[in-house]
Amino acid sequence: MNAFWKHCRGFLFHLFPHHLVSRIMYRITRLRTPLANPAIRVFIRAFNVDMHGACLPESGSYATFNEFFTRRLIPGARPIAPAENEIMCPADGYISQLSSYTGQHAIQAKGRLFSMPRLLGGGREYPGLCERGKFATIYLSPGSYHRVHMPVDGELLEMVHIPGRLFSVAPYAAETLDSLYARNERVVSIFRTGSGYMAVVMVGAVNVAAIETSWHGLVTPPRGKTLHRRTYSGTELKKGEELGVFNMGSTVIVAFESESIAWQPDLGPGHAVRMGQSLGRFTQAVSPEAQAHR
């Protein structure tokens, strides 16, 4: 019976007009209307949103729903994991997976995998990152803080916008739909770090009508269905710096080609996490000489 309902739910996911609903939501959440503030108050109560630490903690301070949803935090509201070899959590949310991958496939949910090369848009220039490594998947619930930050120091090499579906990325969807993250629209950012290449993937979802990065601004919604790559040089971001923004909730995946990572033993699927806390640490760094020849 459970298998039957999962099949029905997957069928309904495909029928739902994700892009149309998301574009409508894009406009609604940016309307300056007297209804915005009551909607914000209802949302705060419904999802138990923690406004402590927000630059503007009062709901009446926001002119639009999107301004509230993408609210900033005051400096120091989220302590950053201090050690140089520590990997900090890039966002508030819940851990979906915190594991390793090999043979180009990573765990999406129990019994379901996704292709790392497909997730990264091919990843021809980064075969090591595609083949094996360590990864963390963080689900940002509706009540979460929706800005994404750098897990470690890194130099931006490439940003890839990959059009796709806008299925929900809630836990029940991850358990139902095959290759969910590699099918949804996403923005992939590749960095060179002191321990090899790192990919930060901001995965779109229904109602996630826009994804922004700190160096480019608004990336989605796009026109057309063509994959877009942009290369960069000399753009460096420090651990804890803002990397991007989700307009409405979604998922962020961080993948490292380095397998010399020890995840925190007390963390795993379902655990609540906050931006800045330690997810794990590098146990071995790549030498500067080796990095220079990558």
C-alpha atoms as a PDB file:
ATOM      1  CA  MET A   1       0.000   0.000   0.000  1.00  0.00           C
ATOM      2  CA  ASN A   2       2.831   2.434   0.862  1.00  0.00           C
ATOM      3  CA  ALA A   3       4.436   1.767  -2.518  1.00  0.00           C
ATOM      4  CA  PHE A   4       1.105   2.481  -4.230  1.00  0.00           C
ATOM      5  CA  TRP A   5       0.695   5.845  -2.512  1.00  0.00           C
ATOM      6  CA  LYS A   6       4.292   6.782  -3.261  1.00  0.00           C
ATOM      7  CA  HIS A   7       3.661   6.016  -6.926  1.00  0.00           C
ATOM      8  CA  CYS A   8       0.492   8.169  -6.896  1.00  0.00           C
ATOM      9  CA  ARG A   9       2.291  11.006  -5.148  1.00  0.00           C
ATOM     10  CA  GLY A  10       5.103  10.899  -7.701  1.00  0.00           C
ATOM     11  CA  PHE A  11       2.542  11.037 -10.523  1.00  0.00           C
ATOM     12  CA  LEU A  12       0.889  14.099  -8.968  1.00  0.00           C
ATOM     13  CA  PHE A  13       4.275  15.812  -8.584  1.00  0.00           C
ATOM     14  CA  HIS A  14       4.709  15.606 -12.354  1.00  0.00           C
ATOM     15  CA  LEU A  15       1.245  17.024 -13.078  1.00  0.00           C
ATOM     16  CA  PHE A  16       1.577  20.056 -10.805  1.00  0.00           C
ATOM     17  CA  PRO A  17       2.416  23.312 -12.724  1.00  0.00           C
ATOM     18  CA  HIS A  18       5.558  24.074 -10.688  1.00  0.00           C
ATOM     19  CA  HIS A  19       7.003  26.843 -12.846  1.00  0.00           C
ATOM     20  CA  LEU A  20       3.702  28.703 -13.272  1.00  0.00           C
ATOM     21  CA  VAL A  21       2.946  28.605  -9.539  1.00  0.00           C
ATOM     22  CA  SER A  22       6.505  29.695  -8.723  1.00  0.00           C
ATOM     23  CA  ARG A  23       6.390  32.672 -11.108  1.00  0.00           C
ATOM     24  CA  ILE A  24       3.092  33.787  -9.597  1.00  0.00           C
ATOM     25  CA  MET A  25       4.618  33.450  -6.132  1.00  0.00           C
ATOM     26  CA  TYR A  26       7.591  35.536  -7.294  1.00  0.00           C
ATOM     27  CA  ARG A  27       5.268  38.458  -7.992  1.00  0.00           C
ATOM     28  CA  ILE A  28       2.993  38.032  -4.994  1.00  0.00           C
ATOM     29  CA  THR A  29       5.844  37.989  -2.467  1.00  0.00           C
ATOM     30  CA  ARG A  30       7.146  41.301  -3.840  1.00  0.00           C
ATOM     31  CA  LEU A  31       3.862  43.189  -3.676  1.00  0.00           C
ATOM     32  CA  ARG A  32       3.757  46.205  -1.374  1.00  0.00           C
ATOM     33  CA  THR A  33       0.312  45.715   0.079  1.00  0.00           C
ATOM     34  CA  PRO A  34      -1.422  46.142   3.456  1.00  0.00           C
ATOM     35  CA  LEU A  35      -1.888  42.354   3.428  1.00  0.00           C
ATOM     36  CA  ALA A  36       1.868  41.719   3.577  1.00  0.00           C
ATOM     37  CA  ASN A  37       2.264  42.353   7.295  1.00  0.00           C
ATOM     38  CA  PRO A  38      -0.663  40.168   8.435  1.00  0.00           C
ATOM     39  CA  ALA A  39       0.659  37.410   6.158  1.00  0.00           C
ATOM     40  CA  ILE A  40       4.117  37.726   7.740  1.00  0.00           C
ATOM     41  CA  ARG A  41       2.674  37.492  11.266  1.00  0.00           C
ATOM     42  CA  VAL A  42       0.664  34.390  10.361  1.00  0.00           C
ATOM     43  CA  PHE A  43       3.734  32.810   8.752  1.00  0.00           C
ATOM     44  CA  ILE A  44       5.880  33.499  11.850  1.00  0.00           C
ATOM     45  CA  ARG A  45       3.327  31.780  14.089  1.00  0.00           C
ATOM     46  CA  ALA A  46       2.650  28.888  11.703  1.00  0.00           C
ATOM     47  CA  PHE A  47       6.312  27.986  11.218  1.00  0.00           C
ATOM     48  CA  ASN A  48       7.619  29.115  14.616  1.00  0.00           C
ATOM     49  CA  VAL A  49      10.105  31.495  12.983  1.00  0.00           C
ATOM     50  CA  ASP A  50      12.901  32.613  15.314  1.00  0.00           C
ATOM     51  CA  MET A  51      13.303  36.367  14.773  1.00  0.00           C
ATOM     52  CA  HIS A  52      16.035  36.724  17.414  1.00  0.00           C
ATOM     53  CA  GLY A  53      19.201  37.886  15.734  1.00  0.00           C
ATOM     54  CA  ALA A  54      17.425  39.374  12.720  1.00  0.00           C
ATOM     55  CA  CYS A  55      18.500  42.895  11.791  1.00  0.00           C
ATOM     56  CA  LEU A  56      14.801  43.807  11.836  1.00  0.00           C
ATOM     57  CA  PRO A  57      13.139  41.609  14.476  1.00  0.00           C
ATOM     58  CA  GLU A  58       9.680  43.214  14.233  1.00  0.00           C
ATOM     59  CA  SER A  59       7.349  41.831  11.565  1.00  0.00           C
ATOM     60  CA  GLY A  60       6.028  45.326  10.789  1.00  0.00           C
ATOM     61  CA  SER A  61       9.485  46.402   9.604  1.00  0.00           C
ATOM     62  CA  TYR A  62       9.145  44.582   6.266  1.00  0.00           C
ATOM     63  CA  ALA A  63       7.379  46.168   3.297  1.00  0.00           C
ATOM     64  CA  THR A  64       7.008  42.897   1.375  1.00  0.00           C
ATOM     65  CA  PHE A  65       6.873  39.215   2.237  1.00  0.00           C
ATOM     66  CA  ASN A  66      10.100  38.593   0.317  1.00  0.00           C
ATOM     67  CA  GLU A  67      11.957  41.212   2.366  1.00  0.00           C
ATOM     68  CA  PHE A  68      10.963  39.287   5.480  1.00  0.00           C
ATOM     69  CA  PHE A  69      11.792  35.913   3.989  1.00  0.00           C
ATOM     70  CA  THR A  70      15.311  36.993   2.958  1.00  0.00           C
ATOM     71  CA  ARG A  71      15.940  38.890   6.201  1.00  0.00           C
ATOM     72  CA  ARG A  72      19.530  39.477   7.277  1.00  0.00           C
ATOM     73  CA  LEU A  73      21.080  38.707  10.649  1.00  0.00           C
ATOM     74  CA  ILE A  74      22.991  41.112  12.829  1.00  0.00           C
ATOM     75  CA  PRO A  75      26.778  40.522  12.835  1.00  0.00           C
ATOM     76  CA  GLY A  76      27.711  37.813  15.332  1.00  0.00           C
ATOM     77  CA  ALA A  77      24.211  36.305  15.519  1.00  0.00           C
ATOM     78  CA  ARG A  78      25.673  33.012  14.260  1.00  0.00           C
ATOM     79  CA  PRO A  79      29.135  32.184  15.681  1.00  0.00           C
ATOM     80  CA  ILE A  80      31.404  30.810  12.957  1.00  0.00           C
ATOM     81  CA  ALA A  81      33.331  27.548  13.554  1.00  0.00           C
ATOM     82  CA  PRO A  82      36.745  29.095  14.289  1.00  0.00           C
ATOM     83  CA  ALA A  83      39.372  26.461  13.464  1.00  0.00           C
ATOM     84  CA  GLU A  84      40.960  26.745  10.021  1.00  0.00           C
ATOM     85  CA  ASN A  85      40.312  23.081   9.223  1.00  0.00           C
ATOM     86  CA  GLU A  86      36.660  23.152  10.353  1.00  0.00           C
ATOM     87  CA  ILE A  87      33.822  22.997   7.817  1.00  0.00           C
ATOM     88  CA  MET A  88      30.947  25.210   8.888  1.00  0.00           C
ATOM     89  CA  CYS A  89      27.300  24.649   8.135  1.00  0.00           C
ATOM     90  CA  PRO A  90      26.311  26.943   5.222  1.00  0.00           C
ATOM     91  CA  ALA A  91      22.686  27.483   6.265  1.00  0.00           C
ATOM     92  CA  ASP A  92      20.021  27.005   8.912  1.00  0.00           C
ATOM     93  CA  GLY A  93      17.916  23.901   8.382  1.00  0.00           C
ATOM     94  CA  TYR A  94      17.958  20.147   8.788  1.00  0.00           C
ATOM     95  CA  ILE A  95      20.537  17.616   7.652  1.00  0.00           C
ATOM     96  CA  SER A  96      19.217  15.362   4.911  1.00  0.00           C
ATOM     97  CA  GLN A  97      22.532  13.556   4.386  1.00  0.00           C
ATOM     98  CA  LEU A  98      26.058  13.866   5.764  1.00  0.00           C
ATOM     99  CA  SER A  99      28.127  11.174   4.118  1.00  0.00           C
ATOM    100  CA  SER A 100      30.549  10.137   1.391  1.00  0.00           C
ATOM    101  CA  TYR A 101      29.937   9.217  -2.245  1.00  0.00           C
ATOM    102  CA  THR A 102      31.740   7.040  -4.734  1.00  0.00           C
ATOM    103  CA  GLY A 103      31.187   5.794  -8.266  1.00  0.00           C
ATOM    104  CA  GLN A 104      29.617   9.167  -9.129  1.00  0.00           C
ATOM    105  CA  HIS A 105      26.469   8.505  -7.068  1.00  0.00           C
ATOM    106  CA  ALA A 106      25.402  10.035  -3.744  1.00  0.00           C
ATOM    107  CA  ILE A 107      22.565   9.197  -1.371  1.00  0.00           C
ATOM    108  CA  GLN A 108      19.447  11.324  -1.781  1.00  0.00           C
ATOM    109  CA  ALA A 109      17.271   9.416   0.697  1.00  0.00           C
ATOM    110  CA  LYS A 110      16.840   5.828   1.808  1.00  0.00           C
ATOM    111  CA  GLY A 111      16.839   3.690  -1.333  1.00  0.00           C
ATOM    112  CA  ARG A 112      17.339   6.634  -3.706  1.00  0.00           C
ATOM    113  CA  LEU A 113      20.495   8.053  -5.280  1.00  0.00           C
ATOM    114  CA  PHE A 114      21.432  10.949  -7.530  1.00  0.00           C
ATOM    115  CA  SER A 115      24.249  11.403 -10.027  1.00  0.00           C
ATOM    116  CA  MET A 116      26.944  13.826  -8.903  1.00  0.00           C
ATOM    117  CA  PRO A 117      28.101  14.630 -12.496  1.00  0.00           C
ATOM    118  CA  ARG A 118      24.513  15.328 -13.504  1.00  0.00           C
ATOM    119  CA  LEU A 119      23.975  17.468 -10.395  1.00  0.00           C
ATOM    120  CA  LEU A 120      27.024  19.572 -11.308  1.00  0.00           C
ATOM    121  CA  GLY A 121      25.979  20.012 -14.925  1.00  0.00           C
ATOM    122  CA  GLY A 122      28.489  17.577 -16.373  1.00  0.00           C
ATOM    123  CA  GLY A 123      31.531  18.621 -14.350  1.00  0.00           C
ATOM    124  CA  ARG A 124      33.947  17.898 -17.206  1.00  0.00           C
ATOM    125  CA  GLU A 125      36.659  20.069 -15.677  1.00  0.00           C
ATOM    126  CA  TYR A 126      36.340  18.481 -12.230  1.00  0.00           C
ATOM    127  CA  PRO A 127      36.385  14.684 -12.679  1.00  0.00           C
ATOM    128  CA  GLY A 128      37.717  14.112  -9.159  1.00  0.00           C
ATOM    129  CA  LEU A 129      34.824  16.055  -7.644  1.00  0.00           C
ATOM    130  CA  CYS A 130      32.328  14.053  -9.707  1.00  0.00           C
ATOM    131  CA  GLU A 131      33.771  10.625  -8.976  1.00  0.00           C
ATOM    132  CA  ARG A 132      34.089  10.461  -5.179  1.00  0.00           C
ATOM    133  CA  GLY A 133      34.280  12.624  -2.078  1.00  0.00           C
ATOM    134  CA  LYS A 134      32.252  13.808   0.900  1.00  0.00           C
ATOM    135  CA  PHE A 135      28.999  15.746   0.830  1.00  0.00           C
ATOM    136  CA  ALA A 136      26.397  17.406   3.045  1.00  0.00           C
ATOM    137  CA  THR A 137      22.775  18.088   2.107  1.00  0.00           C
ATOM    138  CA  ILE A 138      20.926  20.721   4.148  1.00  0.00           C
ATOM    139  CA  TYR A 139      17.168  21.187   3.792  1.00  0.00           C
ATOM    140  CA  LEU A 140      15.997  24.732   4.523  1.00  0.00           C
ATOM    141  CA  SER A 141      12.499  24.573   5.984  1.00  0.00           C
ATOM    142  CA  PRO A 142      10.050  27.458   5.415  1.00  0.00           C
ATOM    143  CA  GLY A 143      10.861  28.965   8.815  1.00  0.00           C
ATOM    144  CA  SER A 144      14.639  28.879   8.328  1.00  0.00           C
ATOM    145  CA  TYR A 145      17.032  31.767   7.727  1.00  0.00           C
ATOM    146  CA  HIS A 146      17.434  31.668   3.942  1.00  0.00           C
ATOM    147  CA  ARG A 147      20.857  33.093   3.240  1.00  0.00           C
ATOM    148  CA  VAL A 148      23.658  30.673   2.356  1.00  0.00           C
ATOM    149  CA  HIS A 149      27.243  31.209   3.551  1.00  0.00           C
ATOM    150  CA  MET A 150      30.679  29.853   2.657  1.00  0.00           C
ATOM    151  CA  PRO A 151      31.540  26.608   4.490  1.00  0.00           C
ATOM    152  CA  VAL A 152      35.311  27.241   4.090  1.00  0.00           C
ATOM    153  CA  ASP A 153      37.615  29.766   2.426  1.00  0.00           C
ATOM    154  CA  GLY A 154      37.570  29.417  -1.337  1.00  0.00           C
ATOM    155  CA  GLU A 155      38.294  30.987  -4.721  1.00  0.00           C
ATOM    156  CA  LEU A 156      35.332  31.018  -7.106  1.00  0.00           C
ATOM    157  CA  LEU A 157      36.152  29.315 -10.415  1.00  0.00           C
ATOM    158  CA  GLU A 158      32.807  28.764 -12.096  1.00  0.00           C
ATOM    159  CA  MET A 159      29.070  29.278 -11.702  1.00  0.00           C
ATOM    160  CA  VAL A 160      26.642  27.116 -13.660  1.00  0.00           C
ATOM    161  CA  HIS A 161      22.903  27.764 -13.911  1.00  0.00           C
ATOM    162  CA  ILE A 162      21.088  24.558 -14.853  1.00  0.00           C
ATOM    163  CA  PRO A 163      17.381  24.874 -15.790  1.00  0.00           C
ATOM    164  CA  GLY A 164      15.117  22.056 -14.688  1.00  0.00           C
ATOM    165  CA  ARG A 165      11.978  21.091 -12.812  1.00  0.00           C
ATOM    166  CA  LEU A 166      10.787  22.731  -9.616  1.00  0.00           C
ATOM    167  CA  PHE A 167       9.644  19.734  -7.609  1.00  0.00           C
ATOM    168  CA  SER A 168       9.324  20.174  -3.859  1.00  0.00           C
ATOM    169  CA  VAL A 169      12.510  19.232  -1.987  1.00  0.00           C
ATOM    170  CA  ALA A 170      10.783  18.507   1.324  1.00  0.00           C
ATOM    171  CA  PRO A 171      11.814  15.180   2.892  1.00  0.00           C
ATOM    172  CA  TYR A 172       8.764  13.338   1.552  1.00  0.00           C
ATOM    173  CA  ALA A 173       9.686  14.418  -2.004  1.00  0.00           C
ATOM    174  CA  ALA A 174      13.294  13.270  -1.582  1.00  0.00           C
ATOM    175  CA  GLU A 175      11.963   9.866  -0.552  1.00  0.00           C
ATOM    176  CA  THR A 176       9.559   9.706  -3.520  1.00  0.00           C
ATOM    177  CA  LEU A 177      11.259  11.134  -6.615  1.00  0.00           C
ATOM    178  CA  ASP A 178      14.353   9.593  -8.200  1.00  0.00           C
ATOM    179  CA  SER A 179      17.313  11.933  -8.830  1.00  0.00           C
ATOM    180  CA  LEU A 180      15.335  14.853  -7.405  1.00  0.00           C
ATOM    181  CA  TYR A 181      18.253  17.251  -6.867  1.00  0.00           C
ATOM    182  CA  ALA A 182      19.772  16.503 -10.277  1.00  0.00           C
ATOM    183  CA  ARG A 183      16.429  17.165 -12.010  1.00  0.00           C
ATOM    184  CA  ASN A 184      15.485  20.444 -10.351  1.00  0.00           C
ATOM    185  CA  GLU A 185      16.674  23.855 -11.460  1.00  0.00           C
ATOM    186  CA  ARG A 186      19.881  24.728  -9.623  1.00  0.00           C
ATOM    187  CA  VAL A 187      22.871  27.047  -9.391  1.00  0.00           C
ATOM    188  CA  VAL A 188      26.243  25.309  -9.018  1.00  0.00           C
ATOM    189  CA  SER A 189      29.278  27.224  -7.751  1.00  0.00           C
ATOM    190  CA  ILE A 190      32.719  25.603  -7.961  1.00  0.00           C
ATOM    191  CA  PHE A 191      35.498  26.784  -5.634  1.00  0.00           C
ATOM    192  CA  ARG A 192      39.165  25.955  -5.186  1.00  0.00           C
ATOM    193  CA  THR A 193      39.911  25.448  -1.491  1.00  0.00           C
ATOM    194  CA  GLY A 194      42.972  24.487   0.514  1.00  0.00           C
ATOM    195  CA  SER A 195      41.729  20.895   0.422  1.00  0.00           C
ATOM    196  CA  GLY A 196      40.760  20.562  -3.229  1.00  0.00           C
ATOM    197  CA  TYR A 197      37.662  21.515  -5.184  1.00  0.00           C
ATOM    198  CA  MET A 198      34.340  22.256  -3.485  1.00  0.00           C
ATOM    199  CA  ALA A 199      30.903  22.578  -5.080  1.00  0.00           C
ATOM    200  CA  VAL A 200      28.047  24.492  -3.459  1.00  0.00           C
ATOM    201  CA  VAL A 201      24.734  23.676  -5.146  1.00  0.00           C
ATOM    202  CA  MET A 202      21.651  25.786  -4.468  1.00  0.00           C
ATOM    203  CA  VAL A 203      18.726  23.613  -5.543  1.00  0.00           C
ATOM    204  CA  GLY A 204      15.514  25.310  -6.624  1.00  0.00           C
ATOM    205  CA  ALA A 205      12.050  24.041  -5.713  1.00  0.00           C
ATOM    206  CA  VAL A 206       8.401  24.935  -6.110  1.00  0.00           C
ATOM    207  CA  ASN A 207       7.853  28.533  -4.902  1.00  0.00           C
ATOM    208  CA  VAL A 208      11.619  29.129  -4.988  1.00  0.00           C
ATOM    209  CA  ALA A 209      11.080  31.722  -7.651  1.00  0.00           C
ATOM    210  CA  ALA A 210      14.556  33.247  -7.467  1.00  0.00           C
ATOM    211  CA  ILE A 211      18.110  32.304  -6.494  1.00  0.00           C
ATOM    212  CA  GLU A 212      20.782  34.966  -6.071  1.00  0.00           C
ATOM    213  CA  THR A 213      24.551  34.854  -5.565  1.00  0.00           C
ATOM    214  CA  SER A 214      26.614  37.569  -3.874  1.00  0.00           C
ATOM    215  CA  TRP A 215      28.873  38.070  -6.911  1.00  0.00           C
ATOM    216  CA  HIS A 216      26.256  37.939  -9.676  1.00  0.00           C
ATOM    217  CA  GLY A 217      22.955  38.989  -8.155  1.00  0.00           C
ATOM    218  CA  LEU A 218      19.728  37.423  -9.446  1.00  0.00           C
ATOM    219  CA  VAL A 219      20.439  34.207 -11.384  1.00  0.00           C
ATOM    220  CA  THR A 220      16.929  32.782 -11.669  1.00  0.00           C
ATOM    221  CA  PRO A 221      14.214  32.988 -12.929  1.00  0.00           C
ATOM    222  CA  PRO A 222      15.802  32.753 -16.396  1.00  0.00           C
ATOM    223  CA  ARG A 223      14.501  32.919 -19.914  1.00  0.00           C
ATOM    224  CA  GLY A 224      14.766  29.722 -21.925  1.00  0.00           C
ATOM    225  CA  LYS A 225      16.077  26.302 -20.958  1.00  0.00           C
ATOM    226  CA  THR A 226      19.763  26.575 -21.813  1.00  0.00           C
ATOM    227  CA  LEU A 227      22.552  25.694 -19.372  1.00  0.00           C
ATOM    228  CA  HIS A 228      24.735  28.755 -18.684  1.00  0.00           C
ATOM    229  CA  ARG A 229      28.348  28.701 -17.465  1.00  0.00           C
ATOM    230  CA  ARG A 230      30.367  31.667 -16.227  1.00  0.00           C
ATOM    231  CA  THR A 231      34.036  31.416 -15.298  1.00  0.00           C
ATOM    232  CA  TYR A 232      35.712  33.619 -12.703  1.00  0.00           C
ATOM    233  CA  SER A 233      39.214  34.497 -11.600  1.00  0.00           C
ATOM    234  CA  GLY A 234      40.386  36.194  -8.431  1.00  0.00           C
ATOM    235  CA  THR A 235      36.990  36.140  -6.682  1.00  0.00           C
ATOM    236  CA  GLU A 236      37.728  34.910  -3.173  1.00  0.00           C
ATOM    237  CA  LEU A 237      35.257  34.383  -0.363  1.00  0.00           C
ATOM    238  CA  LYS A 238      36.101  33.731   3.270  1.00  0.00           C
ATOM    239  CA  LYS A 239      34.433  31.184   5.518  1.00  0.00           C
ATOM    240  CA  GLY A 240      31.193  32.669   6.815  1.00  0.00           C
ATOM    241  CA  GLU A 241      30.774  35.227   4.037  1.00  0.00           C
ATOM    242  CA  GLU A 242      27.398  35.327   2.343  1.00  0.00           C
ATOM    243  CA  LEU A 243      27.358  33.234  -0.807  1.00  0.00           C
ATOM    244  CA  GLY A 244      23.746  33.437  -1.957  1.00  0.00           C
ATOM    245  CA  VAL A 245      20.068  33.818  -1.132  1.00  0.00           C
ATOM    246  CA  PHE A 246      17.019  31.601  -1.607  1.00  0.00           C
ATOM    247  CA  ASN A 247      13.788  33.472  -2.252  1.00  0.00           C
ATOM    248  CA  MET A 248      11.557  30.916  -0.476  1.00  0.00           C
ATOM    249  CA  GLY A 249      12.855  27.628   0.958  1.00  0.00           C
ATOM    250  CA  SER A 250      14.941  24.916  -0.631  1.00  0.00           C
ATOM    251  CA  THR A 251      18.090  22.774  -0.274  1.00  0.00           C
ATOM    252  CA  VAL A 252      21.823  23.376  -0.429  1.00  0.00           C
ATOM    253  CA  ILE A 253      24.349  20.625  -1.187  1.00  0.00           C
ATOM    254  CA  VAL A 254      28.055  21.015  -0.414  1.00  0.00           C
ATOM    255  CA  ALA A 255      30.422  18.484  -2.016  1.00  0.00           C
ATOM    256  CA  PHE A 256      34.186  18.136  -1.528  1.00  0.00           C
ATOM    257  CA  GLU A 257      36.546  16.105  -3.669  1.00  0.00           C
ATOM    258  CA  SER A 258      38.666  15.565  -0.566  1.00  0.00           C
ATOM    259  CA  GLU A 259      37.872  12.334   1.233  1.00  0.00           C
ATOM    260  CA  SER A 260      40.018  13.432   4.191  1.00  0.00           C
ATOM    261  CA  ILE A 261      37.011  14.782   6.077  1.00  0.00           C
ATOM    262  CA  ALA A 262      35.639  13.643   9.424  1.00  0.00           C
ATOM    263  CA  TRP A 263      32.010  14.649   9.896  1.00  0.00           C
ATOM    264  CA  GLN A 264      30.804  15.437  13.396  1.00  0.00           C
ATOM    265  CA  PRO A 265      29.815  12.037  14.870  1.00  0.00           C
ATOM    266  CA  ASP A 266      26.767  13.468  16.669  1.00  0.00           C
ATOM    267  CA  LEU A 267      25.207  14.797  13.444  1.00  0.00           C
ATOM    268  CA  GLY A 268      23.109  12.878  10.924  1.00  0.00           C
ATOM    269  CA  PRO A 269      19.883  12.899   8.902  1.00  0.00           C
ATOM    270  CA  GLY A 270      17.098  14.788  10.658  1.00  0.00           C
ATOM    271  CA  HIS A 271      19.329  16.841  12.952  1.00  0.00           C
ATOM    272  CA  ALA A 272      18.597  20.574  13.122  1.00  0.00           C
ATOM    273  CA  VAL A 273      21.622  22.741  12.321  1.00  0.00           C
ATOM    274  CA  ARG A 274      22.408  26.435  12.228  1.00  0.00           C
ATOM    275  CA  MET A 275      24.597  28.419   9.914  1.00  0.00           C
ATOM    276  CA  GLY A 276      28.110  28.713  11.340  1.00  0.00           C
ATOM    277  CA  GLN A 277      28.261  25.577  13.462  1.00  0.00           C
ATOM    278  CA  SER A 278      30.848  22.911  12.679  1.00  0.00           C
ATOM    279  CA  LEU A 279      29.772  20.052  10.407  1.00  0.00           C
ATOM    280  CA  GLY A 280      33.191  18.417  10.472  1.00  0.00           C
ATOM    281  CA  ARG A 281      36.853  19.010   9.758  1.00  0.00           C
ATOM    282  CA  PHE A 282      39.533  18.347   7.193  1.00  0.00           C
ATOM    283  CA  THR A 283      42.001  15.775   8.459  1.00  0.00           C
ATOM    284  CA  GLN A 284      44.525  16.421   5.702  1.00  0.00           C
ATOM    285  CA  ALA A 285      45.105  19.496   3.537  1.00  0.00           C
ATOM    286  CA  VAL A 286      46.253  19.694  -0.069  1.00  0.00           C
ATOM    287  CA  SER A 287      49.684  21.289  -0.348  1.00  0.00           C
ATOM    288  CA  PRO A 288      49.904  24.798  -1.909  1.00  0.00           C
ATOM    289  CA  GLU A 289      52.154  23.338  -4.644  1.00  0.00           C
ATOM    290  CA  ALA A 290      49.535  20.746  -5.592  1.00  0.00           C
ATOM    291  CA  GLN A 291      46.796  23.342  -5.555  1.00  0.00           C
ATOM    292  CA  ALA A 292      48.778  25.631  -7.845  1.00  0.00           C
ATOM    293  CA  HIS A 293      48.813  22.949 -10.571  1.00  0.00           C
ATOM    294  CA  ARG A 294      45.099  22.232 -10.522  1.00  0.00           C
END
